[in-house]
Amino acid sequence: MFRIVQKLLLALIALSLGATVALAADIRSNEDVVNLVKAGFSDAAVIQAIDSGTPKFNMSVNSMIALKKSGVSEAVIQRMMQAGQKRPEESANANPRIGGECISGGEPDGTLVMLDDGQKSFVRGSKGSIETDINALSVLGMGLTFGLVRTQVKALISVRGLKSSLRLKGNAPRFEGIGLTSDLNPEAIALVRLSTSSETRFIQAFEGSFGITGESGQNKFPDQSLIPVEILQTQTGCSFAQGGQTFKLNIFNLKPKSPLPAGEYAVLVFGSDLLFDFGVDK
């Protein structure tokens, strides 16, 4: 079973920007939201931080007025009000098993079950490298203008090799056993098409900028790289024990909505540097 119990990537990306505001993994309060807004983060980035954290917001009338006066948009305030409520996609299309032990299918930790062309196999994750790509011209412009021109930065997750060693027989795989802690939204699970360059395969995970006016950016995979998928929840609130700790997980399956064209792909979860990479040849 592949499980996510920490949100490492968001912290690493924030460090690449030198950010001093609350991280998405730590967002808990109204003040954290105000800090993100004042630092220049977009509504989309703040909403994603809310969805990724374990917040306990104060949504009294006076608190909402204070948020509005602090520059927090109504879209963000609405998402704060919704935080903690069960999302419809968590229960759609399934009647998941509730509680009990997490069913792993017998695979070792750090792997997914893959069904490909009627055959079942285990896919082990490849540890990706997190790299920061800073636009050199924007750095020069920032220096010449004493910080008025913002430095453009991207964060990439890359894995060695132009092709995955795992080649599919078919082009419509299904993946089972993706375990997320209850504070993570299933939208964090993604199937992406990887780009290739200099003997590596990679996916952009963040794009933003920083300067004397602060930092801004968005934790997101490019729309053109995202493959439309169906995500099905099979268990909710099950127990997974490891290293003397017990985690409450929700378990999901994933499959693409349409057959995949030839290319290099990966299943991953925002917050992890593991890529379950594979290739389609036909």
C-alpha atoms as a PDB file:
ATOM      1  CA  MET A   1       0.000   0.000   0.000  1.00  0.00           C
ATOM      2  CA  PHE A   2       1.168   3.486  -0.781  1.00  0.00           C
ATOM      3  CA  ARG A   3       0.325   5.823   2.078  1.00  0.00           C
ATOM      4  CA  ILE A   4       0.803   9.561   2.593  1.00  0.00           C
ATOM      5  CA  VAL A   5       1.123  10.700   6.185  1.00  0.00           C
ATOM      6  CA  GLN A   6       3.331  13.772   5.697  1.00  0.00           C
ATOM      7  CA  LYS A   7       3.260  16.680   3.266  1.00  0.00           C
ATOM      8  CA  LEU A   8       6.978  17.035   2.515  1.00  0.00           C
ATOM      9  CA  LEU A   9       6.907  18.580  -0.939  1.00  0.00           C
ATOM     10  CA  LEU A  10       5.009  21.697   0.059  1.00  0.00           C
ATOM     11  CA  ALA A  11       7.598  22.487   2.733  1.00  0.00           C
ATOM     12  CA  LEU A  12      10.508  21.955   0.339  1.00  0.00           C
ATOM     13  CA  ILE A  13       8.947  24.199  -2.295  1.00  0.00           C
ATOM     14  CA  ALA A  14       8.326  26.916   0.283  1.00  0.00           C
ATOM     15  CA  LEU A  15      11.947  26.699   1.381  1.00  0.00           C
ATOM     16  CA  SER A  16      13.057  27.157  -2.234  1.00  0.00           C
ATOM     17  CA  LEU A  17      11.243  30.496  -2.185  1.00  0.00           C
ATOM     18  CA  GLY A  18      12.573  31.483   1.216  1.00  0.00           C
ATOM     19  CA  ALA A  19       8.955  31.795   2.376  1.00  0.00           C
ATOM     20  CA  THR A  20       8.349  32.908   5.951  1.00  0.00           C
ATOM     21  CA  VAL A  21       4.578  32.508   6.031  1.00  0.00           C
ATOM     22  CA  ALA A  22       2.700  29.464   7.314  1.00  0.00           C
ATOM     23  CA  LEU A  23       3.107  26.370   5.157  1.00  0.00           C
ATOM     24  CA  ALA A  24       0.148  24.456   3.763  1.00  0.00           C
ATOM     25  CA  ALA A  25       1.092  21.480   5.930  1.00  0.00           C
ATOM     26  CA  ASP A  26       0.812  23.671   9.033  1.00  0.00           C
ATOM     27  CA  ILE A  27      -2.179  25.884   8.245  1.00  0.00           C
ATOM     28  CA  ARG A  28      -4.533  25.747  11.230  1.00  0.00           C
ATOM     29  CA  SER A  29      -6.003  29.137  12.054  1.00  0.00           C
ATOM     30  CA  ASN A  30      -7.546  32.342  10.696  1.00  0.00           C
ATOM     31  CA  GLU A  31      -4.200  34.044  11.279  1.00  0.00           C
ATOM     32  CA  ASP A  32      -2.436  31.539   9.022  1.00  0.00           C
ATOM     33  CA  VAL A  33      -4.843  32.377   6.194  1.00  0.00           C
ATOM     34  CA  VAL A  34      -4.354  36.129   6.693  1.00  0.00           C
ATOM     35  CA  ASN A  35      -0.558  35.641   6.636  1.00  0.00           C
ATOM     36  CA  LEU A  36      -0.754  33.779   3.326  1.00  0.00           C
ATOM     37  CA  VAL A  37      -2.979  36.469   1.788  1.00  0.00           C
ATOM     38  CA  LYS A  38      -0.738  39.305   2.973  1.00  0.00           C
ATOM     39  CA  ALA A  39       2.298  37.475   1.558  1.00  0.00           C
ATOM     40  CA  GLY A  40       0.711  37.723  -1.888  1.00  0.00           C
ATOM     41  CA  PHE A  41      -0.442  34.147  -2.440  1.00  0.00           C
ATOM     42  CA  SER A  42      -3.300  33.697  -4.919  1.00  0.00           C
ATOM     43  CA  ASP A  43      -6.776  32.564  -3.847  1.00  0.00           C
ATOM     44  CA  ALA A  44      -6.115  29.210  -5.544  1.00  0.00           C
ATOM     45  CA  ALA A  45      -2.922  28.666  -3.529  1.00  0.00           C
ATOM     46  CA  VAL A  46      -4.584  29.644  -0.237  1.00  0.00           C
ATOM     47  CA  ILE A  47      -7.567  27.375  -0.926  1.00  0.00           C
ATOM     48  CA  GLN A  48      -5.204  24.505  -1.721  1.00  0.00           C
ATOM     49  CA  ALA A  49      -3.393  25.144   1.552  1.00  0.00           C
ATOM     50  CA  ILE A  50      -6.717  25.026   3.403  1.00  0.00           C
ATOM     51  CA  ASP A  51      -7.645  21.743   1.720  1.00  0.00           C
ATOM     52  CA  SER A  52      -4.233  20.220   2.519  1.00  0.00           C
ATOM     53  CA  GLY A  53      -4.097  21.205   6.193  1.00  0.00           C
ATOM     54  CA  THR A  54      -5.966  20.337   9.382  1.00  0.00           C
ATOM     55  CA  PRO A  55      -7.518  23.729  10.153  1.00  0.00           C
ATOM     56  CA  LYS A  56      -9.724  24.765  13.067  1.00  0.00           C
ATOM     57  CA  PHE A  57     -11.066  28.095  11.900  1.00  0.00           C
ATOM     58  CA  ASN A  58     -13.130  30.575  13.910  1.00  0.00           C
ATOM     59  CA  MET A  59     -15.994  31.438  11.569  1.00  0.00           C
ATOM     60  CA  SER A  60     -18.048  33.650  13.839  1.00  0.00           C
ATOM     61  CA  VAL A  61     -19.593  36.785  12.298  1.00  0.00           C
ATOM     62  CA  ASN A  62     -16.958  39.058  13.869  1.00  0.00           C
ATOM     63  CA  SER A  63     -14.157  36.769  12.674  1.00  0.00           C
ATOM     64  CA  MET A  64     -15.499  36.769   9.118  1.00  0.00           C
ATOM     65  CA  ILE A  65     -15.681  40.574   9.157  1.00  0.00           C
ATOM     66  CA  ALA A  66     -12.083  40.708  10.409  1.00  0.00           C
ATOM     67  CA  LEU A  67     -10.978  38.349   7.627  1.00  0.00           C
ATOM     68  CA  LYS A  68     -12.672  40.530   5.007  1.00  0.00           C
ATOM     69  CA  LYS A  69     -11.016  43.672   6.396  1.00  0.00           C
ATOM     70  CA  SER A  70      -7.648  41.866   6.242  1.00  0.00           C
ATOM     71  CA  GLY A  71      -8.041  41.343   2.496  1.00  0.00           C
ATOM     72  CA  VAL A  72      -9.240  37.729   2.478  1.00  0.00           C
ATOM     73  CA  SER A  73     -11.546  37.138  -0.483  1.00  0.00           C
ATOM     74  CA  GLU A  74     -15.068  35.755  -0.197  1.00  0.00           C
ATOM     75  CA  ALA A  75     -13.983  32.634  -2.131  1.00  0.00           C
ATOM     76  CA  VAL A  76     -11.354  31.866   0.505  1.00  0.00           C
ATOM     77  CA  ILE A  77     -13.751  32.636   3.371  1.00  0.00           C
ATOM     78  CA  GLN A  78     -16.310  30.254   1.854  1.00  0.00           C
ATOM     79  CA  ARG A  79     -13.687  27.491   1.657  1.00  0.00           C
ATOM     80  CA  MET A  80     -12.765  28.149   5.292  1.00  0.00           C
ATOM     81  CA  MET A  81     -16.424  27.695   6.209  1.00  0.00           C
ATOM     82  CA  GLN A  82     -16.496  24.395   4.313  1.00  0.00           C
ATOM     83  CA  ALA A  83     -13.262  23.086   5.874  1.00  0.00           C
ATOM     84  CA  GLY A  84     -13.768  19.951   7.869  1.00  0.00           C
ATOM     85  CA  GLN A  85     -17.030  19.072   6.162  1.00  0.00           C
ATOM     86  CA  LYS A  86     -17.229  15.825   4.239  1.00  0.00           C
ATOM     87  CA  ARG A  87     -16.678  16.457   0.542  1.00  0.00           C
ATOM     88  CA  PRO A  88     -19.033  14.845  -1.954  1.00  0.00           C
ATOM     89  CA  GLU A  89     -16.224  13.206  -3.965  1.00  0.00           C
ATOM     90  CA  GLU A  90     -15.206  11.241  -0.890  1.00  0.00           C
ATOM     91  CA  SER A  91     -18.431   9.243  -0.994  1.00  0.00           C
ATOM     92  CA  ALA A  92     -19.451   9.405  -4.644  1.00  0.00           C
ATOM     93  CA  ASN A  93     -19.554   6.245  -6.771  1.00  0.00           C
ATOM     94  CA  ALA A  94     -18.767   3.905  -3.859  1.00  0.00           C
ATOM     95  CA  ASN A  95     -19.888   2.369  -0.618  1.00  0.00           C
ATOM     96  CA  PRO A  96     -16.484   2.091   1.051  1.00  0.00           C
ATOM     97  CA  ARG A  97     -15.752  -0.182   3.976  1.00  0.00           C
ATOM     98  CA  ILE A  98     -15.739   1.825   7.176  1.00  0.00           C
ATOM     99  CA  GLY A  99     -13.057   1.369   9.821  1.00  0.00           C
ATOM    100  CA  GLY A 100     -11.228  -1.882  10.475  1.00  0.00           C
ATOM    101  CA  GLU A 101      -7.754  -2.686   9.225  1.00  0.00           C
ATOM    102  CA  CYS A 102      -6.630  -1.233   5.930  1.00  0.00           C
ATOM    103  CA  ILE A 103      -6.825  -3.878   3.217  1.00  0.00           C
ATOM    104  CA  SER A 104      -3.492  -3.879   1.433  1.00  0.00           C
ATOM    105  CA  GLY A 105      -3.878  -6.794  -0.956  1.00  0.00           C
ATOM    106  CA  GLY A 106      -0.664  -8.354   0.323  1.00  0.00           C
ATOM    107  CA  GLU A 107       1.753  -5.929  -1.316  1.00  0.00           C
ATOM    108  CA  PRO A 108       4.656  -4.458   0.695  1.00  0.00           C
ATOM    109  CA  ASP A 109       4.517  -0.844   1.837  1.00  0.00           C
ATOM    110  CA  GLY A 110       5.542   1.740  -0.754  1.00  0.00           C
ATOM    111  CA  THR A 111       3.891  -0.099  -3.646  1.00  0.00           C
ATOM    112  CA  LEU A 112       0.619  -0.005  -5.542  1.00  0.00           C
ATOM    113  CA  VAL A 113      -1.397  -2.811  -7.069  1.00  0.00           C
ATOM    114  CA  MET A 114      -1.661  -2.333 -10.833  1.00  0.00           C
ATOM    115  CA  LEU A 115      -4.123  -4.110 -13.112  1.00  0.00           C
ATOM    116  CA  ASP A 116      -2.826  -4.007 -16.693  1.00  0.00           C
ATOM    117  CA  ASP A 117      -4.428  -5.860 -19.570  1.00  0.00           C
ATOM    118  CA  GLY A 118      -6.080  -8.268 -17.127  1.00  0.00           C
ATOM    119  CA  GLN A 119      -2.882  -9.002 -15.196  1.00  0.00           C
ATOM    120  CA  LYS A 120      -2.174  -7.969 -11.603  1.00  0.00           C
ATOM    121  CA  SER A 121       1.259  -6.785 -10.475  1.00  0.00           C
ATOM    122  CA  PHE A 122       2.894  -4.628  -7.816  1.00  0.00           C
ATOM    123  CA  VAL A 123       4.440  -1.267  -8.728  1.00  0.00           C
ATOM    124  CA  ARG A 124       7.161   0.106  -6.456  1.00  0.00           C
ATOM    125  CA  GLY A 125       7.593   3.859  -6.272  1.00  0.00           C
ATOM    126  CA  SER A 126      10.687   5.592  -7.614  1.00  0.00           C
ATOM    127  CA  LYS A 127      12.074   8.323  -5.377  1.00  0.00           C
ATOM    128  CA  GLY A 128      12.067  11.583  -7.292  1.00  0.00           C
ATOM    129  CA  SER A 129      14.442  14.507  -6.963  1.00  0.00           C
ATOM    130  CA  ILE A 130      13.059  17.956  -6.189  1.00  0.00           C
ATOM    131  CA  GLU A 131      14.830  20.601  -8.231  1.00  0.00           C
ATOM    132  CA  THR A 132      14.441  24.366  -8.319  1.00  0.00           C
ATOM    133  CA  ASP A 133      14.529  26.061 -11.712  1.00  0.00           C
ATOM    134  CA  ILE A 134      15.126  29.820 -11.380  1.00  0.00           C
ATOM    135  CA  ASN A 135      14.816  32.035 -14.453  1.00  0.00           C
ATOM    136  CA  ALA A 136      18.257  33.614 -14.945  1.00  0.00           C
ATOM    137  CA  LEU A 137      16.933  36.688 -16.796  1.00  0.00           C
ATOM    138  CA  SER A 138      14.478  37.424 -13.988  1.00  0.00           C
ATOM    139  CA  VAL A 139      17.349  37.219 -11.474  1.00  0.00           C
ATOM    140  CA  LEU A 140      19.292  39.760 -13.546  1.00  0.00           C
ATOM    141  CA  GLY A 141      16.236  41.992 -13.770  1.00  0.00           C
ATOM    142  CA  MET A 142      15.710  41.763 -10.032  1.00  0.00           C
ATOM    143  CA  GLY A 143      19.296  42.877  -9.423  1.00  0.00           C
ATOM    144  CA  LEU A 144      19.137  45.770 -11.876  1.00  0.00           C
ATOM    145  CA  THR A 145      15.862  47.054 -10.444  1.00  0.00           C
ATOM    146  CA  PHE A 146      16.729  46.473  -6.775  1.00  0.00           C
ATOM    147  CA  GLY A 147      14.026  43.862  -6.440  1.00  0.00           C
ATOM    148  CA  LEU A 148      11.204  45.578  -8.331  1.00  0.00           C
ATOM    149  CA  VAL A 149      11.335  42.913 -11.041  1.00  0.00           C
ATOM    150  CA  ARG A 150      10.369  39.622  -9.453  1.00  0.00           C
ATOM    151  CA  THR A 151      12.447  36.460  -9.787  1.00  0.00           C
ATOM    152  CA  GLN A 152      10.558  33.629 -11.476  1.00  0.00           C
ATOM    153  CA  VAL A 153      10.973  30.155  -9.990  1.00  0.00           C
ATOM    154  CA  LYS A 154       9.666  26.661 -10.674  1.00  0.00           C
ATOM    155  CA  ALA A 155       9.980  23.445  -8.675  1.00  0.00           C
ATOM    156  CA  LEU A 156      10.246  20.153 -10.553  1.00  0.00           C
ATOM    157  CA  ILE A 157      10.008  16.530  -9.455  1.00  0.00           C
ATOM    158  CA  SER A 158      12.297  14.432 -11.628  1.00  0.00           C
ATOM    159  CA  VAL A 159      13.306  10.789 -11.945  1.00  0.00           C
ATOM    160  CA  ARG A 160      16.351   9.423 -13.769  1.00  0.00           C
ATOM    161  CA  GLY A 161      16.079   7.914 -17.224  1.00  0.00           C
ATOM    162  CA  LEU A 162      14.236   8.881 -20.380  1.00  0.00           C
ATOM    163  CA  LYS A 163      11.993   5.815 -20.121  1.00  0.00           C
ATOM    164  CA  SER A 164      10.498   3.850 -17.265  1.00  0.00           C
ATOM    165  CA  SER A 165      11.575   0.228 -16.946  1.00  0.00           C
ATOM    166  CA  LEU A 166       7.893  -0.668 -16.420  1.00  0.00           C
ATOM    167  CA  ARG A 167       6.195  -0.918 -19.821  1.00  0.00           C
ATOM    168  CA  LEU A 168       2.443  -1.562 -19.978  1.00  0.00           C
ATOM    169  CA  LYS A 169       0.972  -4.296 -22.141  1.00  0.00           C
ATOM    170  CA  GLY A 170      -2.265  -2.353 -22.441  1.00  0.00           C
ATOM    171  CA  ASN A 171      -3.122   1.345 -22.236  1.00  0.00           C
ATOM    172  CA  ALA A 172      -5.853   1.484 -19.567  1.00  0.00           C
ATOM    173  CA  PRO A 173      -4.246   0.576 -16.213  1.00  0.00           C
ATOM    174  CA  ARG A 174      -5.977   0.618 -12.837  1.00  0.00           C
ATOM    175  CA  PHE A 175      -4.132   1.347  -9.590  1.00  0.00           C
ATOM    176  CA  GLU A 176      -5.288   0.189  -6.168  1.00  0.00           C
ATOM    177  CA  GLY A 177      -4.242   0.840  -2.569  1.00  0.00           C
ATOM    178  CA  ILE A 178      -3.553   4.588  -2.481  1.00  0.00           C
ATOM    179  CA  GLY A 179      -3.775   5.494   1.200  1.00  0.00           C
ATOM    180  CA  LEU A 180      -4.302   9.093   2.324  1.00  0.00           C
ATOM    181  CA  THR A 181      -4.670  10.447   5.833  1.00  0.00           C
ATOM    182  CA  SER A 182      -8.157  11.844   6.406  1.00  0.00           C
ATOM    183  CA  ASP A 183      -6.979  15.474   6.211  1.00  0.00           C
ATOM    184  CA  LEU A 184      -5.935  15.058   2.563  1.00  0.00           C
ATOM    185  CA  ASN A 185      -8.417  15.549  -0.255  1.00  0.00           C
ATOM    186  CA  PRO A 186      -8.450  12.797  -2.936  1.00  0.00           C
ATOM    187  CA  GLU A 187      -7.793  15.548  -5.483  1.00  0.00           C
ATOM    188  CA  ALA A 188      -4.196  15.337  -4.223  1.00  0.00           C
ATOM    189  CA  ILE A 189      -3.901  12.068  -6.196  1.00  0.00           C
ATOM    190  CA  ALA A 190      -2.858  12.617  -9.802  1.00  0.00           C
ATOM    191  CA  LEU A 191      -1.961  10.732 -12.942  1.00  0.00           C
ATOM    192  CA  VAL A 192       0.416  12.871 -14.998  1.00  0.00           C
ATOM    193  CA  ARG A 193       2.261  12.655 -18.265  1.00  0.00           C
ATOM    194  CA  LEU A 194       5.961  13.238 -17.685  1.00  0.00           C
ATOM    195  CA  SER A 195       8.142  15.489 -19.821  1.00  0.00           C
ATOM    196  CA  THR A 196      11.677  14.401 -20.747  1.00  0.00           C
ATOM    197  CA  SER A 197      14.950  16.304 -20.786  1.00  0.00           C
ATOM    198  CA  SER A 198      18.652  15.524 -20.241  1.00  0.00           C
ATOM    199  CA  GLU A 199      18.188  11.848 -19.385  1.00  0.00           C
ATOM    200  CA  THR A 200      15.376  12.540 -16.894  1.00  0.00           C
ATOM    201  CA  ARG A 201      11.598  12.512 -16.752  1.00  0.00           C
ATOM    202  CA  PHE A 202       9.980  15.322 -14.801  1.00  0.00           C
ATOM    203  CA  ILE A 203       6.789  17.093 -13.810  1.00  0.00           C
ATOM    204  CA  GLN A 204       6.446  20.715 -12.708  1.00  0.00           C
ATOM    205  CA  ALA A 205       4.912  20.905  -9.232  1.00  0.00           C
ATOM    206  CA  PHE A 206       5.148  24.619  -8.441  1.00  0.00           C
ATOM    207  CA  GLU A 207       5.437  27.952 -10.243  1.00  0.00           C
ATOM    208  CA  GLY A 208       5.838  31.314  -8.565  1.00  0.00           C
ATOM    209  CA  SER A 209       7.951  34.387  -8.001  1.00  0.00           C
ATOM    210  CA  PHE A 210       9.519  36.422  -5.228  1.00  0.00           C
ATOM    211  CA  GLY A 211      10.836  39.930  -4.749  1.00  0.00           C
ATOM    212  CA  ILE A 212      10.840  42.817  -2.319  1.00  0.00           C
ATOM    213  CA  THR A 213       7.043  42.796  -2.283  1.00  0.00           C
ATOM    214  CA  GLY A 214       6.917  39.197  -1.034  1.00  0.00           C
ATOM    215  CA  GLU A 215       6.390  35.734  -2.463  1.00  0.00           C
ATOM    216  CA  SER A 216       3.578  34.296  -4.529  1.00  0.00           C
ATOM    217  CA  GLY A 217       2.978  31.078  -6.345  1.00  0.00           C
ATOM    218  CA  GLN A 218       0.847  28.007  -6.837  1.00  0.00           C
ATOM    219  CA  ASN A 219       1.405  24.354  -5.949  1.00  0.00           C
ATOM    220  CA  LYS A 220      -0.062  22.689  -9.012  1.00  0.00           C
ATOM    221  CA  PHE A 221       0.723  20.296 -11.825  1.00  0.00           C
ATOM    222  CA  PRO A 222       0.349  21.863 -15.308  1.00  0.00           C
ATOM    223  CA  ASP A 223      -3.123  21.330 -16.742  1.00  0.00           C
ATOM    224  CA  GLN A 224      -1.679  19.954 -19.978  1.00  0.00           C
ATOM    225  CA  SER A 225       0.167  17.245 -18.019  1.00  0.00           C
ATOM    226  CA  LEU A 226      -2.819  16.085 -15.956  1.00  0.00           C
ATOM    227  CA  ILE A 227      -4.650  12.982 -17.186  1.00  0.00           C
ATOM    228  CA  PRO A 228      -8.421  12.926 -16.429  1.00  0.00           C
ATOM    229  CA  VAL A 229      -9.043  10.083 -13.991  1.00  0.00           C
ATOM    230  CA  GLU A 230     -11.756   8.336 -12.008  1.00  0.00           C
ATOM    231  CA  ILE A 231     -10.987   8.032  -8.291  1.00  0.00           C
ATOM    232  CA  LEU A 232     -12.942   5.502  -6.259  1.00  0.00           C
ATOM    233  CA  GLN A 233     -12.813   5.303  -2.450  1.00  0.00           C
ATOM    234  CA  THR A 234     -12.767   1.713  -1.198  1.00  0.00           C
ATOM    235  CA  GLN A 235     -12.158   2.206   2.549  1.00  0.00           C
ATOM    236  CA  THR A 236     -12.634   5.053   4.980  1.00  0.00           C
ATOM    237  CA  GLY A 237     -11.103   5.532   8.419  1.00  0.00           C
ATOM    238  CA  CYS A 238      -9.215   2.234   8.403  1.00  0.00           C
ATOM    239  CA  SER A 239      -6.186   1.653  10.667  1.00  0.00           C
ATOM    240  CA  PHE A 240      -2.654   1.296   9.342  1.00  0.00           C
ATOM    241  CA  ALA A 241       0.135   0.545  11.832  1.00  0.00           C
ATOM    242  CA  GLN A 242       3.821   1.149  11.233  1.00  0.00           C
ATOM    243  CA  GLY A 243       6.809   1.950  13.431  1.00  0.00           C
ATOM    244  CA  GLY A 244       4.760   1.896  16.599  1.00  0.00           C
ATOM    245  CA  GLN A 245       2.274   4.420  15.237  1.00  0.00           C
ATOM    246  CA  THR A 246      -1.252   3.898  13.964  1.00  0.00           C
ATOM    247  CA  PHE A 247      -2.658   6.071  11.189  1.00  0.00           C
ATOM    248  CA  LYS A 248      -6.257   6.513  10.077  1.00  0.00           C
ATOM    249  CA  LEU A 249      -6.368   6.294   6.303  1.00  0.00           C
ATOM    250  CA  ASN A 250      -8.820   6.523   3.452  1.00  0.00           C
ATOM    251  CA  ILE A 251      -8.034   4.114   0.598  1.00  0.00           C
ATOM    252  CA  PHE A 252      -8.573   4.922  -3.080  1.00  0.00           C
ATOM    253  CA  ASN A 253      -8.323   3.312  -6.512  1.00  0.00           C
ATOM    254  CA  LEU A 254      -7.508   5.262  -9.668  1.00  0.00           C
ATOM    255  CA  LYS A 255      -7.910   4.703 -13.387  1.00  0.00           C
ATOM    256  CA  PRO A 256      -7.725   6.968 -16.454  1.00  0.00           C
ATOM    257  CA  LYS A 257     -11.028   7.962 -18.017  1.00  0.00           C
ATOM    258  CA  SER A 258      -9.699   7.183 -21.493  1.00  0.00           C
ATOM    259  CA  PRO A 259      -6.981   4.894 -22.918  1.00  0.00           C
ATOM    260  CA  LEU A 260      -3.527   6.429 -22.647  1.00  0.00           C
ATOM    261  CA  PRO A 261      -1.543   7.350 -25.773  1.00  0.00           C
ATOM    262  CA  ALA A 262       2.110   6.347 -26.019  1.00  0.00           C
ATOM    263  CA  GLY A 263       4.283   8.217 -23.518  1.00  0.00           C
ATOM    264  CA  GLU A 264       5.804   8.301 -20.041  1.00  0.00           C
ATOM    265  CA  TYR A 265       3.472   8.580 -17.029  1.00  0.00           C
ATOM    266  CA  ALA A 266       3.411   8.533 -13.243  1.00  0.00           C
ATOM    267  CA  VAL A 267       0.883   8.233 -10.434  1.00  0.00           C
ATOM    268  CA  LEU A 268       1.781  10.506  -7.546  1.00  0.00           C
ATOM    269  CA  VAL A 269       0.318  12.369  -4.602  1.00  0.00           C
ATOM    270  CA  PHE A 270       0.980  16.011  -3.809  1.00  0.00           C
ATOM    271  CA  GLY A 271       3.168  16.002  -0.717  1.00  0.00           C
ATOM    272  CA  SER A 272       5.246  12.955  -1.652  1.00  0.00           C
ATOM    273  CA  ASP A 273       8.391  12.595  -3.748  1.00  0.00           C
ATOM    274  CA  LEU A 274       7.475   9.029  -4.801  1.00  0.00           C
ATOM    275  CA  LEU A 275       6.541   8.531  -8.458  1.00  0.00           C
ATOM    276  CA  PHE A 276       4.905   5.307  -9.559  1.00  0.00           C
ATOM    277  CA  ASP A 277       6.212   5.630 -13.083  1.00  0.00           C
ATOM    278  CA  PHE A 278       5.394   3.558 -16.154  1.00  0.00           C
ATOM    279  CA  GLY A 279       5.408   3.819 -19.917  1.00  0.00           C
ATOM    280  CA  VAL A 280       2.907   3.137 -22.693  1.00  0.00           C
ATOM    281  CA  ASP A 281       4.344   2.067 -26.042  1.00  0.00           C
ATOM    282  CA  LYS A 282       1.217   1.774 -28.175  1.00  0.00           C
END
